[in-house]
Protein backbone atom coordinates (compact mmCIF):
# COMPACT_ATOMS: atom_id res chain seq x y z
CA MET A 1 51.67 182.70 135.37
CA PRO A 2 54.99 180.78 135.56
CA HIS A 3 56.53 179.80 132.25
CA ARG A 4 56.57 176.11 131.48
CA LEU A 5 59.80 174.38 132.41
CA SER A 6 61.51 171.75 130.30
CA LYS A 7 64.36 169.36 130.96
CA SER A 8 66.87 171.82 129.50
CA ARG A 9 65.36 174.81 131.29
CA TYR A 10 65.37 172.96 134.61
CA THR A 11 69.02 171.93 134.29
CA ALA A 12 69.88 175.50 133.23
CA GLY A 13 68.20 176.75 136.41
CA VAL A 14 70.19 174.28 138.50
CA GLN A 15 73.36 175.66 136.95
CA CYS A 16 72.42 179.35 137.11
CA HIS A 17 69.10 181.20 137.50
CA LYS A 18 70.27 183.95 135.18
CA LEU A 19 70.89 181.40 132.45
CA LEU A 20 67.35 180.09 132.93
CA TRP A 21 65.91 183.63 132.77
CA TRP A 22 67.67 184.27 129.47
CA LYS A 23 66.52 180.97 127.98
CA VAL A 24 62.92 181.97 128.74
CA HIS A 25 62.96 185.70 127.99
CA GLU A 26 65.89 186.21 125.61
CA PRO A 27 66.40 182.91 123.77
CA LEU A 28 68.16 184.75 120.94
CA ALA A 29 70.61 186.54 123.25
CA VAL A 30 74.09 186.49 121.78
CA GLU A 31 75.43 184.85 124.95
CA LEU A 32 73.20 181.83 124.33
CA GLN A 33 74.19 181.25 120.72
CA PRO A 34 76.46 178.22 120.30
CA ASP A 35 79.95 178.71 118.96
CA LYS A 36 81.53 176.29 116.50
CA VAL A 37 82.77 173.98 119.25
CA LEU A 38 79.34 173.81 120.87
CA GLU A 39 77.62 173.28 117.52
CA ASP A 40 79.96 170.36 116.84
CA ARG A 41 79.12 168.97 120.28
CA PHE A 42 75.40 169.23 119.54
CA ASP A 43 75.92 167.42 116.23
CA GLN A 44 77.86 164.70 118.02
CA GLY A 45 75.07 164.39 120.58
CA ARG A 46 72.47 163.90 117.84
CA GLN A 47 74.64 161.26 116.14
CA VAL A 48 75.19 159.43 119.43
CA GLY A 49 71.45 159.52 120.13
CA ALA A 50 70.70 157.94 116.76
CA LEU A 51 73.30 155.21 117.34
CA ALA A 52 71.89 154.54 120.81
CA ARG A 53 68.41 153.98 119.36
CA ASP A 54 69.82 151.17 117.22
CA ARG A 55 70.43 149.27 120.48
CA PHE A 56 66.67 148.99 121.10
CA PRO A 57 65.09 146.90 118.31
CA GLY A 58 61.47 147.74 117.56
CA GLY A 59 61.63 151.09 119.33
CA VAL A 60 59.42 153.94 118.11
CA LEU A 61 60.54 157.57 117.87
CA ILE A 62 58.18 160.42 118.82
CA ASP A 63 59.03 162.29 115.63
CA LEU A 64 57.00 165.45 116.19
CA PRO A 65 58.05 169.10 116.60
CA HIS A 66 59.39 169.80 120.08
CA LYS A 67 56.76 172.52 120.63
CA ALA A 68 53.89 170.17 119.78
CA VAL A 69 53.68 169.22 123.44
CA ASN A 70 50.08 167.97 123.59
CA GLU A 71 50.49 165.86 120.46
CA ARG A 72 53.76 164.37 121.73
CA VAL A 73 52.22 163.47 125.10
CA LYS A 74 49.15 161.95 123.43
CA LEU A 75 51.26 159.82 121.05
CA THR A 76 53.45 158.66 123.94
CA ARG A 77 50.38 157.43 125.82
CA LYS A 78 49.17 155.58 122.74
CA LEU A 79 52.52 153.85 122.29
CA ILE A 80 52.51 152.85 125.96
CA ASP A 81 49.01 151.41 125.59
CA ASP A 82 50.07 149.61 122.40
CA GLY A 83 52.99 147.95 124.23
CA ALA A 84 55.87 149.46 122.23
CA PRO A 85 59.14 147.70 123.21
CA ALA A 86 60.89 151.07 123.48
CA ILE A 87 59.86 154.69 123.04
CA PHE A 88 62.40 157.30 121.99
CA GLU A 89 61.76 160.89 123.09
CA ALA A 90 58.82 159.69 125.21
CA SER A 91 57.06 162.90 126.23
CA PHE A 92 55.32 163.84 129.47
CA LEU A 93 53.97 167.00 131.07
CA ALA A 94 53.38 167.43 134.81
CA ASP A 95 53.86 170.19 137.37
CA ASN A 96 54.14 172.63 134.45
CA THR A 97 57.32 170.82 133.37
CA PHE A 98 57.77 169.06 130.02
CA VAL A 99 60.32 166.30 129.49
CA ALA A 100 61.24 164.04 126.58
CA VAL A 101 62.93 160.82 127.70
CA ASP A 102 65.72 159.55 125.46
CA VAL A 103 64.67 155.92 125.85
CA LEU A 104 61.74 154.52 127.83
CA THR A 105 61.40 150.73 127.97
CA PRO A 106 58.79 148.60 129.76
CA GLN A 107 59.97 146.09 132.31
CA GLU A 108 58.33 144.04 135.01
CA GLY A 109 56.57 146.33 137.45
CA GLY A 110 57.12 149.56 135.55
CA TYR A 111 59.46 151.27 133.12
CA HIS A 112 63.18 151.80 132.70
CA LEU A 113 64.49 155.25 131.83
CA THR A 114 67.72 155.65 129.85
CA GLU A 115 69.44 159.01 129.45
CA VAL A 116 71.87 159.03 126.52
CA LYS A 117 75.02 161.15 126.75
CA SER A 118 77.86 161.69 124.30
CA SER A 119 80.45 161.85 127.09
CA SER A 120 82.78 158.94 127.82
CA SER A 121 81.63 158.59 131.44
CA GLN A 122 78.69 159.28 133.71
CA LYS A 123 79.07 162.72 135.29
CA GLU A 124 77.49 164.37 138.31
CA GLU A 125 75.87 166.98 136.04
CA HIS A 126 73.82 164.22 134.40
CA LEU A 127 71.87 163.52 137.61
CA PRO A 128 69.58 166.59 137.63
CA ASP A 129 68.77 165.85 133.99
CA ALA A 130 67.65 162.30 134.79
CA ALA A 131 66.06 163.18 138.15
CA VAL A 132 63.67 165.77 136.70
CA GLN A 133 62.48 163.15 134.22
CA VAL A 134 61.84 160.64 137.02
CA HIS A 135 59.90 163.34 138.89
CA VAL A 136 57.68 164.27 135.92
CA LEU A 137 57.03 160.64 134.94
CA SER A 138 56.12 159.79 138.51
CA ARG A 139 53.66 162.71 138.55
CA SER A 140 52.28 161.36 135.27
CA GLY A 141 51.54 157.97 136.79
CA ILE A 142 54.54 156.17 135.26
CA HIS A 143 56.41 154.00 137.75
CA ILE A 144 60.14 154.09 137.09
CA THR A 145 61.91 150.95 138.28
CA GLY A 146 65.37 151.80 137.00
CA VAL A 147 67.44 154.66 135.58
CA ASP A 148 70.76 154.55 133.79
CA VAL A 149 73.05 156.85 131.85
CA MET A 150 74.12 155.38 128.52
CA HIS A 151 77.47 156.91 127.57
CA LEU A 152 80.34 156.23 125.19
CA ASN A 153 82.81 153.49 126.01
CA LYS A 154 86.45 154.60 126.06
CA GLU A 155 87.54 151.08 125.13
CA CYS A 156 85.57 151.01 121.87
CA HIS A 157 87.74 151.11 118.73
CA PHE A 158 86.57 151.70 115.18
CA PRO A 159 85.46 149.86 113.08
CA ASP A 160 84.09 147.48 115.73
CA LEU A 161 81.26 149.48 117.35
CA SER A 162 79.63 146.54 119.13
CA ASN A 163 80.79 147.93 122.48
CA LEU A 164 80.23 151.61 121.64
CA PHE A 165 78.18 152.22 124.78
CA GLU A 166 78.44 151.60 128.50
CA ARG A 167 75.58 152.01 130.95
CA THR A 168 75.89 153.36 134.49
CA ASP A 169 73.03 152.73 136.90
CA VAL A 170 71.92 155.90 138.73
CA THR A 171 68.57 154.68 140.08
CA GLN A 172 69.28 155.29 143.75
CA ARG A 173 70.87 158.69 143.25
CA CYS A 174 68.01 159.82 141.02
CA SER A 175 65.47 158.68 143.60
CA ARG A 176 67.13 160.83 146.24
CA SER A 177 67.40 163.80 143.90
CA SER A 178 63.85 163.59 142.53
CA ALA A 179 62.47 163.69 146.09
CA LYS A 180 63.86 167.22 146.42
CA LEU A 181 62.69 168.45 143.03
CA ALA A 182 59.31 169.95 143.92
CA GLY A 183 60.85 172.91 145.73
CA LYS A 184 63.54 173.42 143.10
CA SER A 185 60.98 173.35 140.28
CA THR A 186 58.90 175.96 142.08
CA ARG A 187 61.91 178.24 142.55
CA SER A 188 62.91 177.82 138.92
CA SER A 189 59.38 178.62 137.75
CA ARG A 190 59.34 181.78 139.86
CA CYS A 191 62.76 182.74 138.57
CA SER A 192 61.60 182.39 134.96
CA THR A 193 58.92 185.04 135.51
CA ALA A 194 60.79 187.43 137.81
CA ARG A 195 63.26 190.21 137.10
CA CYS A 196 66.49 188.98 135.56
CA PRO A 197 68.62 187.74 138.48
CA MET A 198 72.26 188.61 138.94
CA CYS A 199 74.70 185.81 139.63
CA ARG A 200 77.09 186.51 142.45
CA SER A 201 80.81 186.34 141.94
CA GLY A 202 81.92 182.83 142.73
CA GLY A 203 78.53 181.33 141.89
CA SER A 204 77.90 178.71 139.25
CA ALA A 205 77.32 181.16 136.42
CA THR A 206 79.21 180.54 133.24
CA SER A 207 81.29 183.18 131.50
CA ARG A 208 78.45 183.58 129.00
CA THR A 209 75.91 184.61 131.64
CA SER A 210 78.24 186.82 133.68
CA ALA A 211 79.50 188.78 130.68
CA ARG A 212 77.08 191.71 130.82
CA SER A 213 77.96 194.42 133.30
CA TRP A 214 75.74 195.67 136.09
CA PRO A 215 75.72 199.20 137.55
CA ALA A 216 77.97 199.47 140.59
CA ALA A 217 75.51 201.64 142.49
CA GLY A 218 71.77 201.94 142.76
CA PRO A 219 68.83 200.67 144.80
CA LYS A 220 69.18 197.15 146.09
CA ILE A 221 66.51 194.55 145.31
CA PRO A 222 66.22 191.03 146.74
CA ILE A 223 66.73 188.38 144.08
CA THR A 224 67.29 184.67 143.84
CA SER A 225 70.64 183.79 142.33
CA CYS A 226 72.11 180.34 141.69
CA GLY A 227 69.88 178.76 144.29
CA SER A 228 70.25 181.33 147.07
CA THR A 229 68.79 184.70 147.94
CA THR A 230 70.96 187.79 147.86
CA SER A 231 70.64 191.40 146.84
CA ALA A 232 72.03 193.28 143.87
CA PRO A 233 71.82 196.68 142.25
CA ARG A 234 68.67 197.26 140.24
CA ARG A 235 69.46 196.51 136.63
CA ALA A 236 69.80 199.20 134.02
CA ALA A 237 67.44 199.12 131.05
CA THR A 238 70.28 197.97 128.79
CA SER A 239 71.31 195.01 130.93
CA CYS A 240 69.74 191.58 130.68
């Protein structure tokens, strides 16, 4: 049975199928452990997320363990029914994919989805992240009327943080991307259960996922790598 996808697993699969495989099967692999720079970036992201929540008065945080999927989904539905003005980490599960939305706010005719980023601009890599959320919420019966990326404002200067954030509308681009997600989600789910794929030279693999060596010779097996099908030597028992 395919492993459950999440927002982070899906975006990892978009970047590199080998990275997704490791996140599922070897989450403690040394290549996946954050270095000091990445840990600092994670800390910054958490701080930015907390500051962003201050911009939505009356919002309620789904403050439950990430793995408590059923409880998170149930509480989200209750908050929706109760008319919460904003829900932070609103949680949904559909198509065997779990997502937690940074900020979900009701508006006329549906809901607005806000993805919070600690970068100083909206980047192309943010779109798959937001699009998979739109896809899962749509499958969950939640009509999304707008999507934006809330990012840091380069023109903000301490101590005045009133203009700390800017918001870039990505509704149209997410709509186009989410329409293509069903096939990508299926491929990612299959990849998460299959033999560890090898990323071709020149693919989108990062240096972390391409670090382990593969045998130069051996039987060839068809695999899916970085979104395409190729063939590679059968992996040795000591490789990923």
